[in-house]
Amino acid sequence: MGHAGAAAAAVRYLRPRSVEPLPRPELRCVRQDERAPVDPAEFRRVLGAFASGVTVITAPAPDGEGSPAGFACQSFASLSLEPPLVCFMVGRTSTTWPRIARAGVFCVNVLAAGQDELCRAFAVSGADKFAGVPYDPAPASGSPRLTGTAAWIDCTIHAVHTGGDHLIVVGRVTALDAQEGGEPLLFHRGRFGRLSP
């Protein structure tokens, strides 16, 4: 299935269905007499100890109409060298993801140190995230390539998998580049930071 087929399948998956859901199976990883699953607040607290970079995932406007799509994304990783694949995770309730899925392509913008305000602008919902943001089209996909980032990775959608309340989006890399000596924006325990010398 090509990237357009994967994107179409993802959009179909996100549409509400009128089919009655099947009853949940009785199989359990944790028995009723065992302790409850991890508390979500505790899960966030502990996982916040893992420092990560910050990206903005962008896509061109579907069919060239309207504005481009984009959102701030901390859940990004490299996946494969042969073929070159990357992945990001997006909430299944995201209103931006269906637009990216319809485009079938995306650009990962790896934010540089000092771009925390840019990250905050792309983390809000419902606003014009590209207002006043300089960018040019990525060479293969035409997705917005934000100015001043530490790196950019241009991709086509390769596959989409479910992962709990998120989707795991796999992209096949078509072009990429990094700024020489570019210092990344870091995120740790709910705060932005940078590498110390």
Protein backbone atom coordinates (compact mmCIF):
# COMPACT_ATOMS: atom_id res chain seq x y z
CA MET A 1 0.00 0.00 0.00
CA GLY A 2 1.47 3.37 -1.00
CA HIS A 3 1.52 6.47 1.16
CA ALA A 4 -1.75 7.72 -0.34
CA GLY A 5 -3.40 4.36 0.45
CA ALA A 6 -2.07 4.38 4.01
CA ALA A 7 -3.31 7.92 4.51
CA ALA A 8 -6.75 7.07 3.11
CA ALA A 9 -6.94 4.03 5.39
CA ALA A 10 -6.03 6.22 8.37
CA VAL A 11 -8.76 8.73 7.50
CA ARG A 12 -11.30 5.89 7.14
CA TYR A 13 -10.21 4.55 10.52
CA LEU A 14 -10.79 7.93 12.16
CA ARG A 15 -14.34 8.32 10.81
CA PRO A 16 -17.14 7.36 13.22
CA ARG A 17 -18.69 4.02 12.48
CA SER A 18 -22.32 3.01 12.94
CA VAL A 19 -21.38 -0.63 13.53
CA GLU A 20 -22.05 -2.00 17.02
CA PRO A 21 -18.76 -2.64 18.83
CA LEU A 22 -17.91 -6.23 19.66
CA PRO A 23 -17.92 -7.16 23.36
CA ARG A 24 -14.51 -6.86 24.97
CA PRO A 25 -12.76 -10.18 25.50
CA GLU A 26 -12.34 -11.42 29.05
CA LEU A 27 -8.58 -11.78 28.63
CA ARG A 28 -6.74 -9.58 31.11
CA CYS A 29 -3.10 -8.74 31.69
CA VAL A 30 -3.90 -7.86 35.31
CA ARG A 31 -6.33 -10.02 37.27
CA GLN A 32 -9.17 -8.45 39.24
CA ASP A 33 -7.45 -9.31 42.55
CA GLU A 34 -4.19 -7.67 41.48
CA ARG A 35 -3.35 -3.99 41.83
CA ALA A 36 -4.90 -1.56 39.37
CA PRO A 37 -3.00 -0.37 36.30
CA VAL A 38 -0.66 2.59 36.69
CA ASP A 39 -2.27 5.91 37.62
CA PRO A 40 -2.11 8.28 34.58
CA ALA A 41 -0.67 11.15 36.68
CA GLU A 42 2.07 8.88 37.99
CA PHE A 43 2.73 7.61 34.46
CA ARG A 44 3.22 11.20 33.23
CA ARG A 45 5.40 12.09 36.22
CA VAL A 46 7.77 9.17 35.76
CA LEU A 47 7.94 9.37 31.96
CA GLY A 48 8.68 13.08 32.33
CA ALA A 49 12.11 12.02 33.59
CA PHE A 50 12.94 11.02 30.01
CA ALA A 51 14.42 14.05 28.24
CA SER A 52 13.55 14.38 24.57
CA GLY A 53 13.84 16.73 21.66
CA VAL A 54 10.84 18.64 20.37
CA THR A 55 9.49 18.66 16.82
CA VAL A 56 6.76 20.33 14.83
CA ILE A 57 5.09 18.03 12.30
CA THR A 58 3.80 19.94 9.27
CA ALA A 59 1.93 19.10 6.08
CA PRO A 60 0.76 21.13 3.09
CA ALA A 61 -2.88 22.06 2.78
CA PRO A 62 -4.73 19.11 1.20
CA ASP A 63 -5.36 19.77 -2.50
CA GLY A 64 -3.60 23.13 -2.11
CA GLU A 65 -6.62 24.71 -0.40
CA GLY A 66 -6.71 26.43 2.97
CA SER A 67 -3.76 26.70 5.33
CA PRO A 68 -1.07 24.11 6.05
CA ALA A 69 -1.40 21.74 9.00
CA GLY A 70 0.99 21.44 11.92
CA PHE A 71 1.31 20.44 15.55
CA ALA A 72 4.01 20.26 18.23
CA CYS A 73 5.18 16.70 18.81
CA GLN A 74 7.50 15.35 21.48
CA SER A 75 6.91 11.69 20.53
CA PHE A 76 9.22 11.33 17.54
CA ALA A 77 11.95 8.77 16.80
CA SER A 78 14.10 7.30 14.06
CA LEU A 79 12.94 3.80 13.16
CA SER A 80 14.90 2.20 10.32
CA LEU A 81 17.99 2.82 8.22
CA GLU A 82 17.08 0.49 5.33
CA PRO A 83 14.61 1.71 4.22
CA PRO A 84 14.95 5.12 5.92
CA LEU A 85 11.94 5.37 8.24
CA VAL A 86 10.96 7.64 11.11
CA CYS A 87 7.85 7.64 13.30
CA PHE A 88 5.78 9.98 15.41
CA MET A 89 2.84 9.42 17.70
CA VAL A 90 -0.33 11.52 17.62
CA GLY A 91 -3.46 11.37 19.78
CA ARG A 92 -6.45 9.74 18.12
CA THR A 93 -8.54 12.80 19.05
CA SER A 94 -6.19 15.20 17.23
CA THR A 95 -7.98 17.54 14.83
CA THR A 96 -4.74 18.18 12.90
CA TRP A 97 -3.91 14.54 12.17
CA PRO A 98 -6.76 13.94 9.65
CA ARG A 99 -5.44 16.87 7.57
CA ILE A 100 -1.92 15.41 7.58
CA ALA A 101 -3.32 11.99 6.70
CA ARG A 102 -5.20 13.45 3.72
CA ALA A 103 -2.02 15.18 2.52
CA GLY A 104 -0.18 11.83 2.65
CA VAL A 105 3.12 13.60 3.37
CA PHE A 106 4.72 15.50 6.24
CA CYS A 107 7.88 17.27 7.35
CA VAL A 108 9.44 16.80 10.78
CA ASN A 109 10.91 20.11 11.96
CA VAL A 110 13.41 19.46 14.78
CA LEU A 111 13.25 22.61 16.89
CA ALA A 112 16.43 24.43 17.84
CA ALA A 113 17.32 25.85 21.25
CA GLY A 114 15.44 29.10 21.71
CA GLN A 115 12.40 28.01 19.66
CA ASP A 116 10.25 27.26 22.71
CA GLU A 117 7.75 30.01 21.79
CA LEU A 118 7.40 28.46 18.33
CA CYS A 119 6.67 25.13 20.02
CA ARG A 120 4.00 26.74 22.23
CA ALA A 121 2.37 28.33 19.16
CA PHE A 122 2.02 24.91 17.51
CA ALA A 123 0.78 23.27 20.73
CA VAL A 124 -2.47 25.29 20.83
CA SER A 125 -5.64 24.07 19.18
CA GLY A 126 -7.88 26.09 16.90
CA ALA A 127 -5.52 29.00 16.20
CA ASP A 128 -3.76 29.96 12.97
CA LYS A 129 -0.47 28.33 13.90
CA PHE A 130 1.38 29.62 10.83
CA ALA A 131 0.55 33.32 11.36
CA GLY A 132 3.85 35.21 11.26
CA VAL A 133 5.90 31.99 11.07
CA PRO A 134 8.50 32.03 8.27
CA TYR A 135 8.81 28.81 6.26
CA ASP A 136 9.47 27.48 2.80
CA PRO A 137 8.27 24.26 1.10
CA ALA A 138 10.25 21.09 1.78
CA PRO A 139 11.76 19.83 -1.50
CA ALA A 140 9.88 16.55 -1.95
CA SER A 141 6.54 16.99 -0.18
CA GLY A 142 6.00 20.74 -0.20
CA SER A 143 5.30 20.57 3.55
CA PRO A 144 6.22 23.69 5.52
CA ARG A 145 9.91 23.66 6.45
CA LEU A 146 10.15 26.08 9.38
CA THR A 147 12.98 28.62 9.36
CA GLY A 148 15.80 28.27 11.88
CA THR A 149 15.21 24.66 12.97
CA ALA A 150 18.06 22.34 13.96
CA ALA A 151 17.03 19.81 11.29
CA TRP A 152 14.20 18.86 8.95
CA ILE A 153 13.06 15.49 7.60
CA ASP A 154 10.72 15.32 4.59
CA CYS A 155 8.53 12.18 4.48
CA THR A 156 5.68 10.32 2.85
CA ILE A 157 3.27 8.35 5.05
CA HIS A 158 4.42 4.73 4.96
CA ALA A 159 2.11 3.09 7.55
CA VAL A 160 -0.23 3.92 10.43
CA HIS A 161 -0.71 1.65 13.47
CA THR A 162 -2.88 1.94 16.56
CA GLY A 163 -1.23 2.27 19.96
CA GLY A 164 -3.78 2.70 22.74
CA ASP A 165 -5.15 6.25 22.64
CA HIS A 166 -2.55 7.24 20.02
CA LEU A 167 -1.69 6.43 16.42
CA ILE A 168 1.84 5.46 15.42
CA VAL A 169 2.61 7.13 12.11
CA VAL A 170 5.57 5.73 10.14
CA GLY A 171 7.10 7.96 7.49
CA ARG A 172 9.47 7.06 4.67
CA VAL A 173 12.20 9.69 4.43
CA THR A 174 12.56 11.37 1.02
CA ALA A 175 14.90 14.26 1.92
CA LEU A 176 16.56 15.67 5.04
CA ASP A 177 19.18 18.08 6.32
CA ALA A 178 20.59 19.46 9.57
CA GLN A 179 22.04 22.81 10.52
CA GLU A 180 25.79 22.57 11.22
CA GLY A 181 26.33 22.96 14.96
CA GLY A 182 22.59 23.38 15.51
CA GLU A 183 21.68 22.98 19.17
CA PRO A 184 18.34 21.23 19.82
CA LEU A 185 15.47 22.35 22.02
CA LEU A 186 15.03 19.84 24.85
CA PHE A 187 11.99 18.98 26.96
CA HIS A 188 12.28 17.49 30.47
CA ARG A 189 9.85 17.33 33.39
CA GLY A 190 7.43 19.75 31.71
CA ARG A 191 10.09 22.38 30.97
CA PHE A 192 12.18 23.43 27.97
CA GLY A 193 15.95 23.33 28.22
CA ARG A 194 19.16 23.18 26.27
CA LEU A 195 22.41 21.24 26.33
CA SER A 196 24.96 22.60 28.76
CA PRO A 197 28.62 22.89 27.64
